[in-house]
Amino acid sequence: MNRTTDAQELVADAQIDITRDICPMTFVRTRLALDRLAPGQVLLVTLRGEEPRRNVPRTAEEQGHAVLRQESGEDGTTRLWLRRG
């Protein structure tokens, strides 16, 4: 399994890129990836656009997962770390 680390040592157990997807597929793909993780593991999601930036973290929290961090990049992407609940 690939593990990635950002500048503050937040480690992801898995990662997905949903920058080319549109809602509702952005969260469908995120949910499928979270379902493959064990409770407590971290998923790094790379997304693009205002709608996924609002909806993916909100929906993840509604389903019992934790938003650990969200970073916006200069290229218009957002990186979102989620911990499976």
N, C-alpha and C. Protein backbone atom coordinates (compact mmCIF):
# COMPACT_ATOMS: atom_id res chain seq x y z
N MET A 1 0.84 -1.18 0.00
CA MET A 1 0.00 0.00 0.00
C MET A 1 0.89 1.25 0.00
N ASN A 2 0.56 2.21 -0.84
CA ASN A 2 1.33 3.45 -0.87
C ASN A 2 0.98 4.30 0.33
N ARG A 3 1.99 4.91 0.89
CA ARG A 3 1.78 5.84 2.00
C ARG A 3 2.42 7.16 1.59
N THR A 4 1.70 8.25 1.80
CA THR A 4 2.22 9.56 1.46
C THR A 4 2.29 10.40 2.71
N THR A 5 3.21 11.35 2.72
CA THR A 5 3.39 12.22 3.88
C THR A 5 3.45 13.67 3.40
N ASP A 6 2.72 14.55 4.08
CA ASP A 6 2.82 15.96 3.74
C ASP A 6 3.81 16.62 4.70
N ALA A 7 3.91 17.93 4.62
CA ALA A 7 4.92 18.65 5.40
C ALA A 7 4.73 18.47 6.90
N GLN A 8 3.51 18.22 7.34
CA GLN A 8 3.27 18.07 8.78
C GLN A 8 3.11 16.61 9.18
N GLU A 9 3.64 15.70 8.39
CA GLU A 9 3.69 14.29 8.73
C GLU A 9 2.32 13.64 8.86
N LEU A 10 1.31 14.16 8.16
CA LEU A 10 0.02 13.50 8.12
C LEU A 10 0.10 12.40 7.07
N VAL A 11 -0.01 11.16 7.50
CA VAL A 11 0.22 10.01 6.62
C VAL A 11 -1.10 9.45 6.12
N ALA A 12 -1.17 9.18 4.82
CA ALA A 12 -2.36 8.58 4.22
C ALA A 12 -2.09 7.11 3.95
N ASP A 13 -3.06 6.27 4.27
CA ASP A 13 -2.96 4.84 3.99
C ASP A 13 -3.34 4.53 2.56
N ALA A 14 -4.14 5.41 1.94
CA ALA A 14 -4.56 5.25 0.55
C ALA A 14 -4.86 6.64 0.01
N GLN A 15 -4.89 6.74 -1.32
CA GLN A 15 -5.23 8.03 -1.93
C GLN A 15 -6.01 7.81 -3.21
N ILE A 16 -6.87 8.80 -3.53
CA ILE A 16 -7.60 8.78 -4.79
C ILE A 16 -7.58 10.18 -5.38
N ASP A 17 -7.71 10.25 -6.69
CA ASP A 17 -7.77 11.50 -7.43
C ASP A 17 -9.14 11.57 -8.09
N ILE A 18 -9.98 12.50 -7.64
CA ILE A 18 -11.31 12.65 -8.22
C ILE A 18 -11.45 14.00 -8.93
N THR A 19 -10.33 14.54 -9.39
CA THR A 19 -10.35 15.86 -10.02
C THR A 19 -11.13 15.87 -11.33
N ARG A 20 -11.29 14.73 -11.98
CA ARG A 20 -12.01 14.67 -13.26
C ARG A 20 -13.46 14.26 -13.10
N ASP A 21 -13.87 13.95 -11.87
CA ASP A 21 -15.24 13.51 -11.61
C ASP A 21 -16.12 14.69 -11.25
N ILE A 22 -17.44 14.50 -11.46
CA ILE A 22 -18.41 15.51 -11.07
C ILE A 22 -19.36 14.90 -10.05
N CYS A 23 -20.00 15.75 -9.28
CA CYS A 23 -20.96 15.29 -8.28
C CYS A 23 -22.13 14.61 -9.00
N PRO A 24 -22.65 13.53 -8.50
CA PRO A 24 -22.40 12.92 -7.20
C PRO A 24 -21.26 11.89 -7.21
N MET A 25 -20.62 11.67 -8.35
CA MET A 25 -19.58 10.65 -8.43
C MET A 25 -18.38 10.98 -7.53
N THR A 26 -18.17 12.25 -7.22
CA THR A 26 -17.04 12.60 -6.36
C THR A 26 -17.15 11.90 -5.02
N PHE A 27 -18.35 11.93 -4.42
CA PHE A 27 -18.46 11.25 -3.13
C PHE A 27 -18.65 9.75 -3.28
N VAL A 28 -19.26 9.30 -4.35
CA VAL A 28 -19.39 7.85 -4.57
C VAL A 28 -18.01 7.21 -4.59
N ARG A 29 -17.09 7.78 -5.34
CA ARG A 29 -15.73 7.24 -5.40
C ARG A 29 -15.02 7.36 -4.05
N THR A 30 -15.25 8.47 -3.35
CA THR A 30 -14.65 8.66 -2.03
C THR A 30 -15.19 7.62 -1.06
N ARG A 31 -16.48 7.41 -1.08
CA ARG A 31 -17.09 6.43 -0.16
C ARG A 31 -16.57 5.02 -0.45
N LEU A 32 -16.46 4.65 -1.71
CA LEU A 32 -15.94 3.33 -2.04
C LEU A 32 -14.51 3.16 -1.52
N ALA A 33 -13.71 4.22 -1.66
CA ALA A 33 -12.33 4.15 -1.17
C ALA A 33 -12.29 4.05 0.35
N LEU A 34 -13.15 4.79 1.03
CA LEU A 34 -13.22 4.71 2.49
C LEU A 34 -13.68 3.32 2.94
N ASP A 35 -14.62 2.73 2.21
CA ASP A 35 -15.12 1.40 2.57
C ASP A 35 -14.03 0.33 2.49
N ARG A 36 -13.01 0.55 1.67
CA ARG A 36 -11.91 -0.41 1.54
C ARG A 36 -10.89 -0.29 2.67
N LEU A 37 -10.99 0.78 3.47
CA LEU A 37 -10.05 0.99 4.56
C LEU A 37 -10.58 0.42 5.86
N ALA A 38 -9.67 0.13 6.76
CA ALA A 38 -10.05 -0.28 8.11
C ALA A 38 -10.38 0.97 8.93
N PRO A 39 -11.24 0.85 9.93
CA PRO A 39 -11.51 2.01 10.79
C PRO A 39 -10.21 2.60 11.34
N GLY A 40 -10.11 3.92 11.28
CA GLY A 40 -8.93 4.62 11.76
C GLY A 40 -7.90 4.92 10.68
N GLN A 41 -8.00 4.26 9.53
CA GLN A 41 -7.05 4.55 8.46
C GLN A 41 -7.42 5.85 7.77
N VAL A 42 -6.43 6.44 7.07
CA VAL A 42 -6.58 7.76 6.47
C VAL A 42 -6.56 7.66 4.95
N LEU A 43 -7.50 8.39 4.33
CA LEU A 43 -7.60 8.49 2.88
C LEU A 43 -7.27 9.92 2.47
N LEU A 44 -6.38 10.06 1.50
CA LEU A 44 -6.08 11.37 0.91
C LEU A 44 -6.85 11.48 -0.39
N VAL A 45 -7.71 12.48 -0.49
CA VAL A 45 -8.54 12.71 -1.67
C VAL A 45 -8.07 14.00 -2.34
N THR A 46 -7.78 13.93 -3.63
CA THR A 46 -7.47 15.13 -4.41
C THR A 46 -8.69 15.43 -5.26
N LEU A 47 -9.22 16.66 -5.13
CA LEU A 47 -10.44 17.03 -5.85
C LEU A 47 -10.30 18.41 -6.44
N ARG A 48 -11.25 18.75 -7.31
CA ARG A 48 -11.23 20.06 -7.96
C ARG A 48 -12.66 20.59 -8.05
N GLY A 49 -12.84 21.86 -7.77
CA GLY A 49 -14.14 22.50 -7.93
C GLY A 49 -14.79 22.83 -6.60
N GLU A 50 -15.65 23.83 -6.65
CA GLU A 50 -16.31 24.32 -5.43
C GLU A 50 -17.30 23.31 -4.86
N GLU A 51 -18.09 22.68 -5.73
CA GLU A 51 -19.10 21.74 -5.25
C GLU A 51 -18.48 20.55 -4.52
N PRO A 52 -17.50 19.86 -5.09
CA PRO A 52 -16.87 18.77 -4.32
C PRO A 52 -16.16 19.26 -3.06
N ARG A 53 -15.58 20.47 -3.13
CA ARG A 53 -14.87 21.02 -1.96
C ARG A 53 -15.83 21.20 -0.79
N ARG A 54 -17.09 21.52 -1.07
CA ARG A 54 -18.10 21.67 -0.02
C ARG A 54 -18.71 20.33 0.37
N ASN A 55 -19.06 19.53 -0.65
CA ASN A 55 -19.89 18.35 -0.41
C ASN A 55 -19.14 17.12 0.09
N VAL A 56 -17.93 16.87 -0.41
CA VAL A 56 -17.23 15.65 -0.01
C VAL A 56 -16.92 15.66 1.50
N PRO A 57 -16.34 16.73 2.05
CA PRO A 57 -16.08 16.71 3.50
C PRO A 57 -17.37 16.65 4.33
N ARG A 58 -18.38 17.39 3.91
CA ARG A 58 -19.65 17.41 4.66
C ARG A 58 -20.28 16.03 4.67
N THR A 59 -20.35 15.39 3.53
CA THR A 59 -20.96 14.06 3.45
C THR A 59 -20.14 13.03 4.21
N ALA A 60 -18.82 13.14 4.14
CA ALA A 60 -17.96 12.20 4.89
C ALA A 60 -18.24 12.32 6.39
N GLU A 61 -18.34 13.54 6.89
CA GLU A 61 -18.63 13.74 8.31
C GLU A 61 -20.01 13.21 8.68
N GLU A 62 -20.99 13.43 7.80
CA GLU A 62 -22.34 12.93 8.05
C GLU A 62 -22.36 11.41 8.16
N GLN A 63 -21.43 10.74 7.50
CA GLN A 63 -21.37 9.28 7.53
C GLN A 63 -20.41 8.75 8.60
N GLY A 64 -19.95 9.63 9.48
CA GLY A 64 -19.17 9.19 10.63
C GLY A 64 -17.66 9.20 10.44
N HIS A 65 -17.17 9.81 9.37
CA HIS A 65 -15.73 9.90 9.14
C HIS A 65 -15.24 11.27 9.61
N ALA A 66 -13.95 11.39 9.86
CA ALA A 66 -13.38 12.64 10.36
C ALA A 66 -12.59 13.34 9.25
N VAL A 67 -12.79 14.64 9.13
CA VAL A 67 -11.97 15.46 8.24
C VAL A 67 -10.77 15.91 9.05
N LEU A 68 -9.59 15.45 8.67
CA LEU A 68 -8.37 15.77 9.41
C LEU A 68 -7.73 17.06 8.93
N ARG A 69 -7.80 17.29 7.62
CA ARG A 69 -7.13 18.46 7.06
C ARG A 69 -7.64 18.69 5.65
N GLN A 70 -7.64 19.96 5.24
CA GLN A 70 -8.02 20.34 3.88
C GLN A 70 -7.08 21.44 3.42
N GLU A 71 -6.43 21.22 2.28
CA GLU A 71 -5.48 22.20 1.73
C GLU A 71 -5.85 22.54 0.30
N SER A 72 -5.89 23.83 -0.01
CA SER A 72 -6.13 24.27 -1.38
C SER A 72 -4.81 24.56 -2.05
N GLY A 73 -4.65 24.05 -3.27
CA GLY A 73 -3.43 24.27 -4.03
C GLY A 73 -3.57 25.42 -5.00
N GLU A 74 -2.46 25.95 -5.45
CA GLU A 74 -2.47 27.05 -6.41
C GLU A 74 -3.03 26.63 -7.76
N ASP A 75 -3.02 25.33 -8.05
CA ASP A 75 -3.52 24.83 -9.33
C ASP A 75 -5.03 24.60 -9.34
N GLY A 76 -5.72 24.98 -8.26
CA GLY A 76 -7.17 24.82 -8.19
C GLY A 76 -7.62 23.51 -7.59
N THR A 77 -6.69 22.66 -7.20
CA THR A 77 -7.07 21.41 -6.57
C THR A 77 -7.11 21.58 -5.05
N THR A 78 -7.80 20.67 -4.43
CA THR A 78 -7.86 20.62 -2.97
C THR A 78 -7.44 19.22 -2.55
N ARG A 79 -6.64 19.15 -1.50
CA ARG A 79 -6.26 17.87 -0.92
C ARG A 79 -6.98 17.75 0.42
N LEU A 80 -7.63 16.62 0.61
CA LEU A 80 -8.50 16.39 1.76
C LEU A 80 -8.09 15.07 2.42
N TRP A 81 -7.76 15.13 3.70
CA TRP A 81 -7.43 13.93 4.45
C TRP A 81 -8.63 13.53 5.29
N LEU A 82 -9.10 12.30 5.10
CA LEU A 82 -10.24 11.78 5.83
C LEU A 82 -9.83 10.54 6.63
N ARG A 83 -10.28 10.45 7.87
CA ARG A 83 -10.04 9.25 8.68
C ARG A 83 -11.34 8.46 8.73
N ARG A 84 -11.23 7.18 8.35
CA ARG A 84 -12.44 6.34 8.36
C ARG A 84 -12.92 6.14 9.78
N GLY A 85 -14.23 6.34 9.98
CA GLY A 85 -14.83 6.18 11.29
C GLY A 85 -15.19 4.74 11.58
